[in-house]
């Protein structure tokens, strides 16, 4: 399973939202789905480079 989620900055603060980390914790704690690795991926060489993909494994 691949989940494509990009970072979002908090309004009025120079900090990112923690929605990606919260999702990863819920996936593992509630569903037993583990993070395999984070992938760096960008389609456009002129766009900002940041991690937007998380790869997870689903237990059999």
Protein backbone atom coordinates (compact mmCIF):
# COMPACT_ATOMS: atom_id res chain seq x y z
CA UNK A 1 0.00 0.00 0.00
CA UNK A 2 1.31 3.47 -0.84
CA UNK A 3 -0.19 6.56 0.76
CA UNK A 4 0.53 9.89 -0.94
CA UNK A 5 0.37 12.67 1.66
CA UNK A 6 2.18 15.98 1.48
CA UNK A 7 3.21 18.23 4.36
CA UNK A 8 0.98 21.13 5.41
CA UNK A 9 2.15 24.16 7.36
CA UNK A 10 0.26 25.48 10.38
CA UNK A 11 -1.46 28.78 9.71
CA UNK A 12 0.52 31.72 11.09
CA UNK A 13 3.34 29.52 12.43
CA UNK A 14 6.58 28.36 10.82
CA UNK A 15 5.83 24.71 11.64
CA UNK A 16 4.32 21.73 9.88
CA UNK A 17 1.10 19.96 10.87
CA UNK A 18 1.58 16.52 12.44
CA UNK A 19 -1.19 14.77 10.47
CA UNK A 20 1.23 12.38 8.73
CA UNK A 21 2.81 11.25 12.01
CA UNK A 22 -0.62 10.86 13.66
CA UNK A 23 -1.81 8.72 10.75
CA UNK A 24 1.27 6.49 10.93
CA UNK A 25 0.79 5.93 14.67
CA UNK A 26 -2.92 5.09 14.21
CA UNK A 27 -2.17 2.70 11.33
CA UNK A 28 0.28 0.77 13.48
CA UNK A 29 -1.57 0.91 16.81
CA UNK A 30 -5.08 0.21 15.53
CA UNK A 31 -4.54 -1.82 12.34
CA UNK A 32 -1.10 -3.38 12.79
CA UNK A 33 0.16 -1.75 9.58
CA UNK A 34 3.87 -0.87 9.85
CA UNK A 35 5.89 1.85 8.13
CA UNK A 36 8.38 0.24 5.76
CA UNK A 37 10.12 3.42 4.65
CA UNK A 38 9.51 7.01 3.61
CA UNK A 39 10.17 7.77 -0.04
CA UNK A 40 11.22 11.12 -1.46
CA UNK A 41 9.31 11.74 -4.68
CA UNK A 42 8.73 14.77 -6.83
CA UNK A 43 7.30 14.88 -10.36
CA UNK A 44 8.60 18.34 -11.27
CA UNK A 45 12.26 19.37 -11.00
CA UNK A 46 11.12 22.98 -10.37
CA UNK A 47 8.81 22.03 -7.45
CA UNK A 48 9.93 21.98 -3.82
CA UNK A 49 11.58 18.73 -2.72
CA UNK A 50 9.94 17.16 0.34
CA UNK A 51 8.86 13.66 1.38
CA UNK A 52 5.31 12.94 0.22
CA UNK A 53 5.10 9.15 0.13
CA UNK A 54 4.97 6.65 2.94
CA UNK A 55 5.23 2.92 2.23
CA UNK A 56 3.57 0.61 4.72
CA UNK A 57 3.32 -3.16 5.02
CA UNK A 58 0.05 -4.95 5.74
CA UNK A 59 0.33 -8.03 7.99
CA UNK A 60 -0.89 -11.27 6.45
